């Protein structure tokens, strides 16, 4: 289970969930009424979560190093 949680696919799903939750929270607070500074904070939070999601998808996979052989 931990391999799935910490895998690339798990990171992609988690980042997508982060974008969804942050957008949901920002929208909920926007519906209740926000001031200019609160709008700026909400926009920053949404852009930050989108940045994380894009970075997770564009990050290169780590290269596998060959095992060292002692002779």
N, C-alpha and C. Protein backbone atom coordinates (compact mmCIF):
# COMPACT_ATOMS: atom_id res chain seq x y z
N UNK A 1 0.81 -1.19 0.00
CA UNK A 1 0.00 0.00 0.00
C UNK A 1 0.86 1.26 0.00
N UNK A 2 1.97 1.24 0.73
CA UNK A 2 2.82 2.42 0.77
C UNK A 2 3.47 2.68 -0.58
N UNK A 3 3.75 1.63 -1.36
CA UNK A 3 4.32 1.85 -2.68
C UNK A 3 3.35 2.62 -3.57
N UNK A 4 2.07 2.32 -3.48
CA UNK A 4 1.08 3.04 -4.26
C UNK A 4 0.94 4.47 -3.77
N UNK A 5 0.99 4.66 -2.47
CA UNK A 5 0.83 5.99 -1.89
C UNK A 5 1.97 6.92 -2.28
N UNK A 6 3.18 6.39 -2.32
CA UNK A 6 4.35 7.22 -2.62
C UNK A 6 4.84 7.05 -4.04
N UNK A 7 4.04 6.51 -4.92
CA UNK A 7 4.43 6.33 -6.31
C UNK A 7 4.13 7.60 -7.10
N UNK A 8 4.53 7.61 -8.35
CA UNK A 8 4.28 8.76 -9.21
C UNK A 8 2.77 8.96 -9.42
N UNK A 9 2.05 7.86 -9.62
CA UNK A 9 0.60 7.96 -9.81
C UNK A 9 -0.07 8.49 -8.55
N UNK A 10 0.39 8.06 -7.39
CA UNK A 10 -0.15 8.55 -6.14
C UNK A 10 0.09 10.05 -5.97
N UNK A 11 1.26 10.51 -6.38
CA UNK A 11 1.57 11.94 -6.29
C UNK A 11 0.69 12.74 -7.24
N UNK A 12 0.43 12.18 -8.42
CA UNK A 12 -0.44 12.89 -9.38
C UNK A 12 -1.86 13.01 -8.85
N UNK A 13 -2.38 11.93 -8.28
CA UNK A 13 -3.73 11.96 -7.72
C UNK A 13 -3.80 12.90 -6.51
N UNK A 14 -2.76 12.87 -5.68
CA UNK A 14 -2.75 13.74 -4.50
C UNK A 14 -2.68 15.21 -4.90
N UNK A 15 -1.91 15.53 -5.92
CA UNK A 15 -1.82 16.92 -6.36
C UNK A 15 -3.13 17.37 -7.00
N UNK A 16 -3.80 16.48 -7.71
CA UNK A 16 -5.10 16.83 -8.29
C UNK A 16 -6.12 17.05 -7.18
N UNK A 17 -6.07 16.24 -6.14
CA UNK A 17 -6.97 16.41 -5.00
C UNK A 17 -6.67 17.72 -4.28
N UNK A 18 -5.39 18.09 -4.20
CA UNK A 18 -5.01 19.35 -3.57
C UNK A 18 -5.61 20.54 -4.33
N UNK A 19 -5.52 20.51 -5.65
CA UNK A 19 -6.11 21.59 -6.46
C UNK A 19 -7.61 21.65 -6.23
N UNK A 20 -8.27 20.51 -6.21
CA UNK A 20 -9.72 20.47 -6.02
C UNK A 20 -10.11 21.03 -4.66
N UNK A 21 -9.44 20.61 -3.62
CA UNK A 21 -9.80 21.04 -2.26
C UNK A 21 -9.53 22.53 -2.07
N UNK A 22 -8.38 23.00 -2.56
CA UNK A 22 -8.06 24.43 -2.40
C UNK A 22 -9.06 25.28 -3.18
N UNK A 23 -9.40 24.86 -4.39
CA UNK A 23 -10.38 25.61 -5.19
C UNK A 23 -11.75 25.60 -4.53
N UNK A 24 -12.12 24.45 -3.96
CA UNK A 24 -13.40 24.34 -3.27
C UNK A 24 -13.46 25.29 -2.07
N UNK A 25 -12.38 25.31 -1.30
CA UNK A 25 -12.35 26.19 -0.13
C UNK A 25 -12.36 27.67 -0.53
N UNK A 26 -11.61 28.01 -1.57
CA UNK A 26 -11.58 29.40 -2.03
C UNK A 26 -12.95 29.82 -2.55
N UNK A 27 -13.59 28.94 -3.29
CA UNK A 27 -14.92 29.25 -3.81
C UNK A 27 -15.96 29.39 -2.72
N UNK A 28 -15.86 28.55 -1.71
CA UNK A 28 -16.81 28.63 -0.60
C UNK A 28 -16.68 29.95 0.14
N UNK A 29 -15.44 30.35 0.40
CA UNK A 29 -15.23 31.61 1.10
C UNK A 29 -15.58 32.81 0.21
N UNK A 30 -15.38 32.66 -1.09
CA UNK A 30 -15.74 33.74 -2.01
C UNK A 30 -17.26 33.94 -2.03
N UNK A 31 -17.99 32.85 -1.94
CA UNK A 31 -19.45 32.95 -1.93
C UNK A 31 -19.97 33.66 -0.68
N UNK A 32 -19.22 33.55 0.40
CA UNK A 32 -19.62 34.21 1.64
C UNK A 32 -19.22 35.68 1.66
N UNK A 33 -18.35 36.06 0.74
CA UNK A 33 -17.89 37.45 0.66
C UNK A 33 -16.48 37.60 1.21
N UNK A 34 -15.61 38.14 0.38
CA UNK A 34 -14.22 38.33 0.79
C UNK A 34 -13.78 39.75 0.43
N UNK A 35 -12.78 40.22 1.15
CA UNK A 35 -12.17 41.51 0.85
C UNK A 35 -11.04 41.30 -0.14
N UNK A 36 -10.42 42.39 -0.57
CA UNK A 36 -9.39 42.32 -1.60
C UNK A 36 -8.18 41.49 -1.16
N UNK A 37 -7.75 41.66 0.06
CA UNK A 37 -6.60 40.90 0.56
C UNK A 37 -6.94 39.41 0.63
N UNK A 38 -8.16 39.08 1.01
CA UNK A 38 -8.57 37.67 1.06
C UNK A 38 -8.63 37.08 -0.35
N UNK A 39 -9.08 37.87 -1.32
CA UNK A 39 -9.08 37.40 -2.70
C UNK A 39 -7.65 37.12 -3.16
N UNK A 40 -6.73 38.01 -2.81
CA UNK A 40 -5.33 37.81 -3.21
C UNK A 40 -4.77 36.53 -2.58
N UNK A 41 -5.11 36.28 -1.35
CA UNK A 41 -4.65 35.05 -0.69
C UNK A 41 -5.25 33.81 -1.34
N UNK A 42 -6.52 33.88 -1.70
CA UNK A 42 -7.18 32.73 -2.34
C UNK A 42 -6.57 32.46 -3.71
N UNK A 43 -6.32 33.51 -4.47
CA UNK A 43 -5.70 33.35 -5.79
C UNK A 43 -4.30 32.76 -5.65
N UNK A 44 -3.56 33.23 -4.67
CA UNK A 44 -2.22 32.70 -4.42
C UNK A 44 -2.27 31.21 -4.06
N UNK A 45 -3.21 30.83 -3.23
CA UNK A 45 -3.34 29.43 -2.84
C UNK A 45 -3.71 28.54 -4.03
N UNK A 46 -4.63 29.00 -4.86
CA UNK A 46 -5.02 28.21 -6.04
C UNK A 46 -3.85 28.11 -7.02
N UNK A 47 -3.17 29.21 -7.27
CA UNK A 47 -2.02 29.17 -8.19
C UNK A 47 -0.90 28.29 -7.63
N UNK A 48 -0.71 28.32 -6.33
CA UNK A 48 0.30 27.47 -5.71
C UNK A 48 -0.02 25.99 -5.86
N UNK A 49 -1.26 25.63 -5.66
CA UNK A 49 -1.65 24.22 -5.80
C UNK A 49 -1.57 23.77 -7.26
N UNK A 50 -1.92 24.66 -8.19
CA UNK A 50 -1.79 24.32 -9.61
C UNK A 50 -0.32 24.16 -9.97
N UNK A 51 0.54 25.00 -9.41
CA UNK A 51 1.98 24.88 -9.65
C UNK A 51 2.50 23.53 -9.16
N UNK A 52 2.06 23.10 -8.00
CA UNK A 52 2.47 21.79 -7.49
C UNK A 52 2.01 20.68 -8.43
N UNK A 53 0.77 20.76 -8.90
CA UNK A 53 0.25 19.72 -9.80
C UNK A 53 1.02 19.68 -11.11
N UNK A 54 1.35 20.83 -11.65
CA UNK A 54 2.13 20.87 -12.90
C UNK A 54 3.53 20.33 -12.67
N UNK A 55 4.15 20.72 -11.56
CA UNK A 55 5.51 20.26 -11.28
C UNK A 55 5.56 18.74 -11.11
N UNK A 56 4.55 18.18 -10.45
CA UNK A 56 4.51 16.72 -10.25
C UNK A 56 4.44 16.00 -11.59
N UNK A 57 3.68 16.55 -12.53
CA UNK A 57 3.53 15.89 -13.83
C UNK A 57 4.73 16.11 -14.74
N UNK A 58 5.44 17.22 -14.58
CA UNK A 58 6.57 17.51 -15.45
C UNK A 58 7.92 17.07 -14.88
N UNK A 59 7.96 16.73 -13.62
CA UNK A 59 9.22 16.33 -13.00
C UNK A 59 9.74 15.04 -13.63
N UNK A 60 11.02 15.01 -13.94
CA UNK A 60 11.56 13.78 -14.55
C UNK A 60 11.60 12.64 -13.55
N UNK A 61 11.46 11.44 -14.07
CA UNK A 61 11.56 10.27 -13.20
C UNK A 61 13.02 10.08 -12.82
N UNK A 62 13.29 9.68 -11.60
CA UNK A 62 14.68 9.49 -11.19
C UNK A 62 15.35 8.38 -11.99
N UNK A 63 16.59 8.61 -12.36
CA UNK A 63 17.34 7.61 -13.13
C UNK A 63 17.75 6.46 -12.21
N UNK A 64 17.67 5.27 -12.73
CA UNK A 64 18.09 4.09 -11.97
C UNK A 64 19.59 3.90 -12.18
N UNK A 65 20.31 3.86 -11.10
CA UNK A 65 21.75 3.65 -11.19
C UNK A 65 22.05 2.16 -11.16
N UNK A 66 23.02 1.73 -11.97
CA UNK A 66 23.37 0.30 -11.93
C UNK A 66 24.01 -0.06 -10.60
N UNK A 67 23.83 -1.29 -10.22
CA UNK A 67 24.42 -1.77 -8.96
C UNK A 67 25.94 -1.81 -9.07
N UNK A 68 26.59 -1.46 -8.00
CA UNK A 68 28.05 -1.46 -7.98
C UNK A 68 28.56 -2.89 -7.82
N UNK A 69 29.54 -3.24 -8.62
CA UNK A 69 30.12 -4.58 -8.54
C UNK A 69 31.54 -4.49 -8.00
N UNK A 70 31.80 -5.13 -6.89
CA UNK A 70 33.13 -5.18 -6.32
C UNK A 70 33.85 -6.40 -6.84
N UNK A 71 35.02 -6.19 -7.38
CA UNK A 71 35.81 -7.32 -7.90
C UNK A 71 36.94 -7.67 -6.98
